[in-house]
PDB file of N, CA and C in Angstrom:
ATOM      1  N   MET A   1      -0.518   0.176 -15.747  1.00  0.00           N
ATOM      2  CA  MET A   1      -1.935  -0.243 -15.692  1.00  0.00           C
ATOM      3  C   MET A   1      -2.023  -1.657 -15.132  1.00  0.00           C
ATOM      4  N   PHE A   2      -2.852  -1.839 -14.123  1.00  0.00           N
ATOM      5  CA  PHE A   2      -3.021  -3.160 -13.517  1.00  0.00           C
ATOM      6  C   PHE A   2      -4.299  -3.812 -14.023  1.00  0.00           C
ATOM      7  N   TYR A   3      -4.178  -5.070 -14.384  1.00  0.00           N
ATOM      8  CA  TYR A   3      -5.352  -5.791 -14.875  1.00  0.00           C
ATOM      9  C   TYR A   3      -5.770  -6.858 -13.867  1.00  0.00           C
ATOM     10  N   PRO A   4      -7.082  -7.099 -13.770  1.00  0.00           N
ATOM     11  CA  PRO A   4      -7.565  -8.120 -12.841  1.00  0.00           C
ATOM     12  C   PRO A   4      -7.097  -9.505 -13.270  1.00  0.00           C
ATOM     13  N   PRO A   5      -7.150 -10.482 -12.371  1.00  0.00           N
ATOM     14  CA  PRO A   5      -6.800 -11.858 -12.730  1.00  0.00           C
ATOM     15  C   PRO A   5      -7.619 -12.337 -13.922  1.00  0.00           C
ATOM     16  N   GLN A   6      -7.081 -13.312 -14.635  1.00  0.00           N
ATOM     17  CA  GLN A   6      -7.680 -13.751 -15.889  1.00  0.00           C
ATOM     18  C   GLN A   6      -9.119 -14.227 -15.704  1.00  0.00           C
ATOM     19  N   HIS A   7      -9.422 -14.929 -14.608  1.00  0.00           N
ATOM     20  CA  HIS A   7     -10.776 -15.484 -14.451  1.00  0.00           C
ATOM     21  C   HIS A   7     -11.826 -14.371 -14.349  1.00  0.00           C
ATOM     22  N   CYS A   8     -11.438 -13.195 -13.853  1.00  0.00           N
ATOM     23  CA  CYS A   8     -12.380 -12.077 -13.797  1.00  0.00           C
ATOM     24  C   CYS A   8     -12.762 -11.651 -15.214  1.00  0.00           C
ATOM     25  N   MET A   9     -11.754 -11.619 -16.085  1.00  0.00           N
ATOM     26  CA  MET A   9     -12.005 -11.185 -17.451  1.00  0.00           C
ATOM     27  C   MET A   9     -12.834 -12.233 -18.199  1.00  0.00           C
ATOM     28  N   GLU A  10     -12.529 -13.501 -17.961  1.00  0.00           N
ATOM     29  CA  GLU A  10     -13.244 -14.575 -18.662  1.00  0.00           C
ATOM     30  C   GLU A  10     -14.718 -14.588 -18.279  1.00  0.00           C
ATOM     31  N   LYS A  11     -14.999 -14.423 -16.991  1.00  0.00           N
ATOM     32  CA  LYS A  11     -16.394 -14.405 -16.535  1.00  0.00           C
ATOM     33  C   LYS A  11     -17.122 -13.180 -17.079  1.00  0.00           C
ATOM     34  N   ASN A  12     -16.330 -12.123 -17.369  1.00  0.00           N
ATOM     35  CA  ASN A  12     -16.919 -10.846 -17.792  1.00  0.00           C
ATOM     36  C   ASN A  12     -17.829 -10.311 -16.689  1.00  0.00           C
ATOM     37  N   ASN A  13     -17.412 -10.547 -15.454  1.00  0.00           N
ATOM     38  CA  ASN A  13     -18.187 -10.142 -14.285  1.00  0.00           C
ATOM     39  C   ASN A  13     -17.677  -8.769 -13.831  1.00  0.00           C
ATOM     40  N   ILE A  14     -18.424  -7.727 -14.176  1.00  0.00           N
ATOM     41  CA  ILE A  14     -17.991  -6.359 -13.873  1.00  0.00           C
ATOM     42  C   ILE A  14     -17.878  -6.145 -12.364  1.00  0.00           C
ATOM     43  N   PHE A  15     -18.843  -6.678 -11.625  1.00  0.00           N
ATOM     44  CA  PHE A  15     -18.851  -6.500 -10.173  1.00  0.00           C
ATOM     45  C   PHE A  15     -17.594  -7.114  -9.555  1.00  0.00           C
ATOM     46  N   HIS A  16     -17.277  -8.327  -9.992  1.00  0.00           N
ATOM     47  CA  HIS A  16     -16.104  -9.038  -9.476  1.00  0.00           C
ATOM     48  C   HIS A  16     -14.831  -8.256  -9.803  1.00  0.00           C
ATOM     49  N   THR A  17     -14.781  -7.718 -11.013  1.00  0.00           N
ATOM     50  CA  THR A  17     -13.612  -6.943 -11.436  1.00  0.00           C
ATOM     51  C   THR A  17     -13.478  -5.677 -10.595  1.00  0.00           C
ATOM     52  N   LEU A  18     -14.605  -5.032 -10.305  1.00  0.00           N
ATOM     53  CA  LEU A  18     -14.579  -3.829  -9.475  1.00  0.00           C
ATOM     54  C   LEU A  18     -14.102  -4.151  -8.065  1.00  0.00           C
ATOM     55  N   LEU A  19     -14.612  -5.261  -7.524  1.00  0.00           N
ATOM     56  CA  LEU A  19     -14.193  -5.670  -6.184  1.00  0.00           C
ATOM     57  C   LEU A  19     -12.688  -5.900  -6.161  1.00  0.00           C
ATOM     58  N   TRP A  20     -12.189  -6.592  -7.199  1.00  0.00           N
ATOM     59  CA  TRP A  20     -10.754  -6.883  -7.268  1.00  0.00           C
ATOM     60  C   TRP A  20      -9.963  -5.577  -7.327  1.00  0.00           C
ATOM     61  N   ALA A  21     -10.451  -4.626  -8.143  1.00  0.00           N
ATOM     62  CA  ALA A  21      -9.751  -3.349  -8.287  1.00  0.00           C
ATOM     63  C   ALA A  21      -9.717  -2.610  -6.950  1.00  0.00           C
ATOM     64  N   LEU A  22     -10.835  -2.594  -6.237  1.00  0.00           N
ATOM     65  CA  LEU A  22     -10.887  -1.931  -4.933  1.00  0.00           C
ATOM     66  C   LEU A  22      -9.903  -2.573  -3.969  1.00  0.00           C
ATOM     67  N   TYR A  23      -9.917  -3.911  -3.921  1.00  0.00           N
ATOM     68  CA  TYR A  23      -9.023  -4.635  -3.023  1.00  0.00           C
ATOM     69  C   TYR A  23      -7.568  -4.337  -3.380  1.00  0.00           C
ATOM     70  N   TYR A  24      -7.265  -4.367  -4.677  1.00  0.00           N
ATOM     71  CA  TYR A  24      -5.885  -4.182  -5.119  1.00  0.00           C
ATOM     72  C   TYR A  24      -5.403  -2.775  -4.805  1.00  0.00           C
ATOM     73  N   ASN A  25      -6.271  -1.768  -5.046  1.00  0.00           N
ATOM     74  CA  ASN A  25      -5.895  -0.381  -4.750  1.00  0.00           C
ATOM     75  C   ASN A  25      -5.664  -0.203  -3.252  1.00  0.00           C
ATOM     76  N   ASN A  26      -6.548  -0.794  -2.425  1.00  0.00           N
ATOM     77  CA  ASN A  26      -6.388  -0.688  -0.977  1.00  0.00           C
ATOM     78  C   ASN A  26      -5.083  -1.337  -0.545  1.00  0.00           C
ATOM     79  N   PHE A  27      -4.749  -2.468  -1.168  1.00  0.00           N
ATOM     80  CA  PHE A  27      -3.517  -3.186  -0.840  1.00  0.00           C
ATOM     81  C   PHE A  27      -2.304  -2.291  -1.101  1.00  0.00           C
ATOM     82  N   ILE A  28      -2.309  -1.618  -2.255  1.00  0.00           N
ATOM     83  CA  ILE A  28      -1.199  -0.728  -2.603  1.00  0.00           C
ATOM     84  C   ILE A  28      -1.117   0.421  -1.604  1.00  0.00           C
ATOM     85  N   ILE A  29      -2.273   1.017  -1.288  1.00  0.00           N
ATOM     86  CA  ILE A  29      -2.308   2.158  -0.364  1.00  0.00           C
ATOM     87  C   ILE A  29      -1.775   1.740   1.007  1.00  0.00           C
ATOM     88  N   ILE A  30      -2.202   0.560   1.492  1.00  0.00           N
ATOM     89  CA  ILE A  30      -1.766   0.071   2.804  1.00  0.00           C
ATOM     90  C   ILE A  30      -0.255  -0.148   2.801  1.00  0.00           C
ATOM     91  N   CYS A  31       0.265  -0.763   1.740  1.00  0.00           N
ATOM     92  CA  CYS A  31       1.706  -1.028   1.664  1.00  0.00           C
ATOM     93  C   CYS A  31       2.487   0.284   1.665  1.00  0.00           C
ATOM     94  N   VAL A  32       2.035   1.242   0.878  1.00  0.00           N
ATOM     95  CA  VAL A  32       2.741   2.526   0.779  1.00  0.00           C
ATOM     96  C   VAL A  32       2.691   3.257   2.116  1.00  0.00           C
ATOM     97  N   SER A  33       1.514   3.273   2.750  1.00  0.00           N
ATOM     98  CA  SER A  33       1.385   4.006   4.003  1.00  0.00           C
ATOM     99  C   SER A  33       2.236   3.351   5.093  1.00  0.00           C
ATOM    100  N   ARG A  34       2.269   2.011   5.114  1.00  0.00           N
ATOM    101  CA  ARG A  34       3.121   1.333   6.103  1.00  0.00           C
ATOM    102  C   ARG A  34       4.576   1.690   5.882  1.00  0.00           C
ATOM    103  N   PHE A  35       4.981   1.701   4.605  1.00  0.00           N
ATOM    104  CA  PHE A  35       6.366   2.025   4.267  1.00  0.00           C
ATOM    105  C   PHE A  35       6.701   3.444   4.739  1.00  0.00           C
ATOM    106  N   LEU A  36       5.784   4.386   4.482  1.00  0.00           N
ATOM    107  CA  LEU A  36       6.013   5.777   4.868  1.00  0.00           C
ATOM    108  C   LEU A  36       6.065   5.921   6.388  1.00  0.00           C
ATOM    109  N   ILE A  37       5.163   5.196   7.075  1.00  0.00           N
ATOM    110  CA  ILE A  37       5.134   5.274   8.541  1.00  0.00           C
ATOM    111  C   ILE A  37       6.445   4.749   9.118  1.00  0.00           C
ATOM    112  N   LYS A  38       6.943   3.638   8.560  1.00  0.00           N
ATOM    113  CA  LYS A  38       8.216   3.091   9.039  1.00  0.00           C
ATOM    114  C   LYS A  38       9.336   4.098   8.831  1.00  0.00           C
ATOM    115  N   LYS A  39       9.360   4.724   7.651  1.00  0.00           N
ATOM    116  CA  LYS A  39      10.373   5.729   7.343  1.00  0.00           C
ATOM    117  C   LYS A  39      10.290   6.876   8.343  1.00  0.00           C
ATOM    118  N   TYR A  40       9.048   7.313   8.613  1.00  0.00           N
ATOM    119  CA  TYR A  40       8.820   8.447   9.499  1.00  0.00           C
ATOM    120  C   TYR A  40       9.341   8.146  10.899  1.00  0.00           C
ATOM    121  N   PHE A  41       9.007   6.954  11.426  1.00  0.00           N
ATOM    122  CA  PHE A  41       9.452   6.608  12.775  1.00  0.00           C
ATOM    123  C   PHE A  41      10.962   6.444  12.826  1.00  0.00           C
ATOM    124  N   PHE A  42      11.529   5.898  11.765  1.00  0.00           N
ATOM    125  CA  PHE A  42      12.985   5.760  11.696  1.00  0.00           C
ATOM    126  C   PHE A  42      13.639   7.144  11.767  1.00  0.00           C
ATOM    127  N   TYR A  43      13.044   8.091  11.030  1.00  0.00           N
ATOM    128  CA  TYR A  43      13.551   9.462  11.009  1.00  0.00           C
ATOM    129  C   TYR A  43      13.419  10.111  12.392  1.00  0.00           C
ATOM    130  N   LEU A  44      12.283   9.861  13.077  1.00  0.00           N
ATOM    131  CA  LEU A  44      12.083  10.406  14.423  1.00  0.00           C
ATOM    132  C   LEU A  44      13.147   9.864  15.372  1.00  0.00           C
ATOM    133  N   ASP A  45      13.397   8.562  15.298  1.00  0.00           N
ATOM    134  CA  ASP A  45      14.422   7.960  16.153  1.00  0.00           C
ATOM    135  C   ASP A  45      15.773   8.613  15.892  1.00  0.00           C
ATOM    136  N   PHE A  46      16.059   8.832  14.619  1.00  0.00           N
ATOM    137  CA  PHE A  46      17.326   9.451  14.223  1.00  0.00           C
ATOM    138  C   PHE A  46      17.453  10.848  14.845  1.00  0.00           C
ATOM    139  N   LEU A  47      16.376  11.637  14.775  1.00  0.00           N
ATOM    140  CA  LEU A  47      16.392  12.990  15.340  1.00  0.00           C
ATOM    141  C   LEU A  47      16.579  12.940  16.857  1.00  0.00           C
ATOM    142  N   LEU A  48      15.867  12.015  17.521  1.00  0.00           N
ATOM    143  CA  LEU A  48      15.972  11.909  18.976  1.00  0.00           C
ATOM    144  C   LEU A  48      17.392  11.530  19.379  1.00  0.00           C
ATOM    145  N   GLU A  49      18.011  10.630  18.643  1.00  0.00           N
ATOM    146  CA  GLU A  49      19.388  10.228  18.954  1.00  0.00           C
ATOM    147  C   GLU A  49      20.335  11.409  18.809  1.00  0.00           C
ATOM    148  N   LYS A  50      20.122  12.229  17.777  1.00  0.00           N
ATOM    149  CA  LYS A  50      20.980  13.396  17.571  1.00  0.00           C
ATOM    150  C   LYS A  50      20.850  14.353  18.755  1.00  0.00           C
ATOM    151  N   GLN A  51      19.623  14.530  19.261  1.00  0.00           N
ATOM    152  CA  GLN A  51      19.406  15.423  20.397  1.00  0.00           C
ATOM    153  C   GLN A  51      20.080  14.865  21.652  1.00  0.00           C
ATOM    154  N   ASP A  52      20.002  13.545  21.827  1.00  0.00           N
ATOM    155  CA  ASP A  52      20.608  12.928  23.014  1.00  0.00           C
ATOM    156  C   ASP A  52      22.126  13.083  22.990  1.00  0.00           C
ATOM    157  N   ASN A  53      22.711  13.044  21.802  1.00  0.00           N
ATOM    158  CA  ASN A  53      24.168  13.109  21.686  1.00  0.00           C
ATOM    159  C   ASN A  53      24.716  14.507  22.000  1.00  0.00           C
ATOM    160  N   LYS A  54      23.875  15.531  21.930  1.00  0.00           N
ATOM    161  CA  LYS A  54      24.351  16.901  22.168  1.00  0.00           C
ATOM    162  C   LYS A  54      24.786  17.099  23.620  1.00  0.00           C
TER     163      LYS A  54
END
């Protein structure tokens, strides 16, 4: 479970907390998708090299 920064909780600002949650979730999604894309391209390169070696 991820919690917003302390100042969000102290202000008790629901809107600010929601914005933070949206930003944080998007950040995680972007990082994961970039990681997967890198893996995918690495795998494609690997397959192409195997074909070239035949």
